[in-house]
Amino acid sequence: KQWYQRRVRGNTKESLESIMPIENIKKCPIISVVSLPGETSDVLVSSLMTVSHHKKTSEGNYHGELLGIPPGAISSVAYDSDSSNLLVSYKPVLGTKGSSEQHVLMKLTDSKETGMQTEIINTFKGGSTQALRCRSSLISCPDDDNHLLVCLGEQESNSIKIWSTKNMKMFQQFPIKKDESGPIIAVGPHRAAGTDYLCGLTNQRIVQYKWLLSESHFENNSVAYQFDVPN
């Protein structure tokens, strides 16, 4: 079966090209597809258990190889093209005492001799529970393009946690009222009218934190946008 299809914008009936699964690898649902910068149309395909790099060959087909990442139940994968950093987030291991969410930051390097290689930079630990899959993100600090921030949603404390990759320490943390909006399921950046924001998504609302240029951090007070959940 086809693993992934690129579709022409505006046309959802015909695919432009397809990527097939790697042979002899256990099939499981795809959770993200990321296009890598460059002229070769390379992509990273992430499933619940693996991350693979697919390179386009001279024949026009894709050749895939698994990336060397720690084993575990993957909940989210994020990639930053400027730094070639990959963030793989793992769910806690059920029934294992002391297990917690693991957010592994890695450096990707690619060469003709060795292919795509990974090097672990740091591991950020999260909560001990995760009822719903939660999407993490890598964003550049709005006033420093060389400062990468690791943005995570932690369901145990129902908070957004931001870690600095400069010193690997906590940069900021924002609690979200779980009883009002449900568990957090995604964290990501947003820019509007020249202003940068960090947004957290729950199953009932979006919370938005404004970047304060004068203080070089996100505003502690959030603006929430409620939306109706379809039946």
Protein backbone atom coordinates (compact mmCIF):
# COMPACT_ATOMS: atom_id res chain seq x y z
CA LYS A 1 0.00 0.00 0.00
CA GLN A 2 1.01 3.64 -0.44
CA TRP A 3 2.43 5.27 2.64
CA TYR A 4 2.21 8.91 1.71
CA GLN A 5 1.01 10.93 -1.28
CA ARG A 6 1.81 14.44 -2.41
CA ARG A 7 -1.30 16.05 -3.81
CA VAL A 8 -1.64 18.96 -6.21
CA ARG A 9 -3.02 22.01 -4.43
CA GLY A 10 -6.73 22.32 -5.06
CA ASN A 11 -6.98 18.78 -6.41
CA THR A 12 -7.69 16.12 -3.80
CA LYS A 13 -8.58 13.38 -6.27
CA GLU A 14 -5.22 12.92 -7.99
CA SER A 15 -1.79 12.49 -6.40
CA LEU A 16 1.37 14.06 -7.76
CA GLU A 17 3.67 11.37 -6.39
CA SER A 18 3.69 8.63 -3.75
CA ILE A 19 6.11 7.27 -1.18
CA MET A 20 6.04 3.56 -0.38
CA PRO A 21 6.79 2.01 3.02
CA ILE A 22 10.27 0.66 3.71
CA GLU A 23 10.32 -3.10 3.17
CA ASN A 24 10.38 -5.45 6.18
CA ILE A 25 9.42 -2.68 8.56
CA LYS A 26 6.31 -3.09 10.70
CA LYS A 27 3.58 -0.81 9.36
CA CYS A 28 1.86 1.62 11.72
CA PRO A 29 -0.03 4.92 11.34
CA ILE A 30 1.76 8.02 10.02
CA ILE A 31 1.70 11.01 12.37
CA SER A 32 3.69 13.59 10.39
CA VAL A 33 5.41 14.31 7.07
CA VAL A 34 8.04 17.05 6.82
CA SER A 35 9.59 18.35 3.59
CA LEU A 36 13.31 19.08 3.87
CA PRO A 37 14.78 22.18 2.20
CA GLY A 38 16.66 21.73 -1.06
CA GLU A 39 16.09 20.74 -4.66
CA THR A 40 15.78 16.98 -4.08
CA SER A 41 12.32 17.03 -2.42
CA ASP A 42 13.51 14.88 0.50
CA VAL A 43 10.96 14.18 3.24
CA LEU A 44 10.93 12.88 6.80
CA VAL A 45 8.05 10.48 7.45
CA SER A 46 7.17 9.79 11.08
CA SER A 47 5.03 6.93 12.33
CA LEU A 48 4.06 5.91 15.85
CA MET A 49 7.30 3.95 16.13
CA THR A 50 9.83 5.18 13.55
CA VAL A 51 11.19 8.20 11.68
CA SER A 52 12.48 7.62 8.15
CA HIS A 53 14.30 9.77 5.61
CA HIS A 54 13.13 9.44 1.99
CA LYS A 55 15.41 10.70 -0.76
CA LYS A 56 14.36 11.06 -4.39
CA THR A 57 16.45 8.97 -6.77
CA SER A 58 17.51 9.79 -10.34
CA GLU A 59 14.71 7.51 -11.55
CA GLY A 60 12.16 9.71 -9.81
CA ASN A 61 11.32 7.22 -7.07
CA TYR A 62 11.90 7.59 -3.34
CA HIS A 63 14.42 5.54 -1.39
CA GLY A 64 13.79 5.39 2.35
CA GLU A 65 16.04 4.66 5.30
CA LEU A 66 15.24 4.56 9.01
CA LEU A 67 16.81 7.17 11.25
CA GLY A 68 18.69 6.02 14.31
CA ILE A 69 16.45 7.26 17.11
CA PRO A 70 15.68 5.89 20.59
CA PRO A 71 12.88 3.29 20.67
CA GLY A 72 9.49 4.15 22.14
CA ALA A 73 5.94 5.27 21.45
CA ILE A 74 6.29 8.48 19.44
CA SER A 75 3.73 11.19 20.10
CA SER A 76 5.17 14.04 18.02
CA VAL A 77 8.01 14.97 15.67
CA ALA A 78 9.19 18.51 14.88
CA TYR A 79 11.99 19.72 12.60
CA ASP A 80 13.83 23.05 12.32
CA SER A 81 15.38 23.53 8.88
CA ASP A 82 17.74 26.36 9.89
CA SER A 83 19.55 24.33 12.56
CA SER A 84 18.79 20.84 11.13
CA ASN A 85 17.51 19.90 14.57
CA LEU A 86 14.92 17.17 15.06
CA LEU A 87 12.68 16.89 18.14
CA VAL A 88 11.12 13.49 18.78
CA SER A 89 8.65 13.31 21.67
CA TYR A 90 7.76 10.00 23.32
CA LYS A 91 4.79 9.00 25.47
CA PRO A 92 5.45 7.54 28.95
CA VAL A 93 5.72 3.75 29.06
CA LEU A 94 2.46 2.38 30.46
CA GLY A 95 2.80 0.33 33.62
CA THR A 96 6.41 1.38 34.19
CA LYS A 97 7.08 3.12 37.48
CA GLY A 98 8.92 6.41 37.11
CA SER A 99 8.36 6.58 33.35
CA SER A 100 7.80 10.05 31.89
CA GLU A 101 7.48 11.85 28.58
CA GLN A 102 10.82 12.12 26.80
CA HIS A 103 11.53 14.90 24.32
CA VAL A 104 14.76 14.05 22.51
CA LEU A 105 16.51 16.84 20.59
CA MET A 106 18.83 15.59 17.84
CA LYS A 107 21.10 17.03 15.17
CA LEU A 108 20.68 15.67 11.63
CA THR A 109 23.61 15.39 9.23
CA ASP A 110 23.46 13.99 5.71
CA SER A 111 26.28 12.71 3.52
CA LYS A 112 26.62 10.42 0.50
CA GLU A 113 28.88 8.06 2.46
CA THR A 114 26.79 7.52 5.61
CA GLY A 115 23.33 8.79 4.68
CA MET A 116 21.22 10.67 7.22
CA GLN A 117 22.70 10.42 10.72
CA THR A 118 21.37 11.57 14.11
CA GLU A 119 23.25 12.85 17.15
CA ILE A 120 21.42 13.37 20.45
CA ILE A 121 21.90 16.89 21.81
CA ASN A 122 19.70 16.74 24.91
CA THR A 123 16.64 15.03 26.40
CA PHE A 124 13.91 17.07 28.09
CA LYS A 125 11.67 15.20 30.53
CA GLY A 126 7.93 15.82 30.84
CA GLY A 127 5.02 14.47 32.84
CA SER A 128 4.23 10.87 33.75
CA THR A 129 0.88 10.73 31.91
CA GLN A 130 -0.37 11.54 28.41
CA ALA A 131 -3.99 10.66 27.68
CA LEU A 132 -4.06 12.28 24.23
CA ARG A 133 -1.26 12.62 21.71
CA CYS A 134 0.35 16.05 22.07
CA ARG A 135 2.28 17.87 19.34
CA SER A 136 5.48 19.70 20.33
CA SER A 137 7.34 22.31 18.26
CA LEU A 138 10.72 23.92 17.63
CA ILE A 139 10.65 27.70 17.12
CA SER A 140 13.24 30.42 16.71
CA CYS A 141 13.28 33.04 19.43
CA PRO A 142 11.47 36.07 17.90
CA ASP A 143 14.36 38.44 18.67
CA ASP A 144 17.24 36.00 18.09
CA ASP A 145 17.20 33.66 15.07
CA ASN A 146 20.15 31.72 16.53
CA HIS A 147 18.23 30.89 19.73
CA LEU A 148 16.06 27.81 19.28
CA LEU A 149 13.21 27.16 21.73
CA VAL A 150 11.73 23.74 22.50
CA CYS A 151 7.99 24.17 23.13
CA LEU A 152 6.12 21.33 24.82
CA GLY A 153 2.64 20.64 26.09
CA GLU A 154 2.51 18.68 29.35
CA GLN A 155 -0.86 17.12 30.14
CA GLU A 156 -0.05 15.99 33.67
CA SER A 157 0.32 19.63 34.80
CA ASN A 158 -1.68 20.87 31.77
CA SER A 159 0.89 23.51 31.01
CA ILE A 160 3.06 24.81 28.20
CA LYS A 161 6.77 24.47 28.88
CA ILE A 162 9.46 26.28 26.90
CA TRP A 163 13.10 25.17 27.08
CA SER A 164 16.13 27.09 25.80
CA THR A 165 18.62 25.19 23.64
CA LYS A 166 21.36 27.63 24.63
CA ASN A 167 21.61 26.42 28.21
CA MET A 168 19.07 23.54 28.17
CA LYS A 169 17.14 25.19 31.00
CA MET A 170 13.49 26.11 31.42
CA PHE A 171 12.78 29.37 29.62
CA GLN A 172 9.10 29.86 30.55
CA GLN A 173 6.07 27.90 31.74
CA PHE A 174 2.36 28.68 31.40
CA PRO A 175 -0.39 26.76 33.24
CA ILE A 176 -3.70 26.15 31.46
CA LYS A 177 -6.94 25.64 33.37
CA LYS A 178 -7.84 22.06 32.54
CA ASP A 179 -11.36 22.22 33.97
CA GLU A 180 -12.24 25.01 31.52
CA SER A 181 -10.62 23.88 28.29
CA GLY A 182 -9.53 20.24 28.49
CA PRO A 183 -6.01 18.83 28.10
CA ILE A 184 -3.45 20.53 25.89
CA ILE A 185 -2.89 18.69 22.59
CA ALA A 186 -0.57 20.96 20.55
CA VAL A 187 1.85 23.89 20.88
CA GLY A 188 3.02 26.06 17.99
CA PRO A 189 4.04 29.56 16.83
CA HIS A 190 1.85 32.17 15.17
CA ARG A 191 2.63 35.56 13.64
CA ALA A 192 0.09 38.28 12.86
CA ALA A 193 0.48 41.99 12.05
CA GLY A 194 4.20 41.87 12.80
CA THR A 195 3.71 40.35 16.26
CA ASP A 196 4.86 36.88 17.34
CA TYR A 197 2.74 34.58 19.48
CA LEU A 198 2.96 31.14 20.99
CA CYS A 199 -0.31 29.20 20.87
CA GLY A 200 -1.54 26.23 22.84
CA LEU A 201 -4.42 24.13 21.52
CA THR A 202 -6.85 22.18 23.69
CA ASN A 203 -9.97 20.34 22.54
CA GLN A 204 -12.09 23.41 23.33
CA ARG A 205 -10.00 26.54 22.87
CA ILE A 206 -6.79 28.17 21.70
CA VAL A 207 -4.68 30.09 24.19
CA GLN A 208 -2.29 32.71 22.83
CA TYR A 209 0.79 34.28 24.44
CA LYS A 210 2.28 37.47 22.97
CA TRP A 211 6.04 37.96 22.60
CA LEU A 212 7.26 41.08 24.40
CA LEU A 213 10.25 42.48 22.50
CA SER A 214 11.14 44.86 25.32
CA GLU A 215 11.48 41.97 27.79
CA SER A 216 12.55 39.14 25.45
CA HIS A 217 9.94 36.65 26.63
CA PHE A 218 6.30 35.75 26.14
CA GLU A 219 3.66 37.62 28.10
CA ASN A 220 2.45 35.64 31.12
CA ASN A 221 -1.19 36.53 30.56
CA SER A 222 -2.89 34.71 27.70
CA VAL A 223 -5.78 35.48 25.38
CA ALA A 224 -8.17 32.54 24.90
CA TYR A 225 -10.37 31.85 21.89
CA GLN A 226 -13.24 29.44 22.45
CA PHE A 227 -14.66 27.33 19.61
CA ASP A 228 -17.61 25.01 19.35
CA VAL A 229 -16.86 21.30 19.37
CA PRO A 230 -18.92 19.50 16.67
CA ASN A 231 -21.13 16.66 17.81
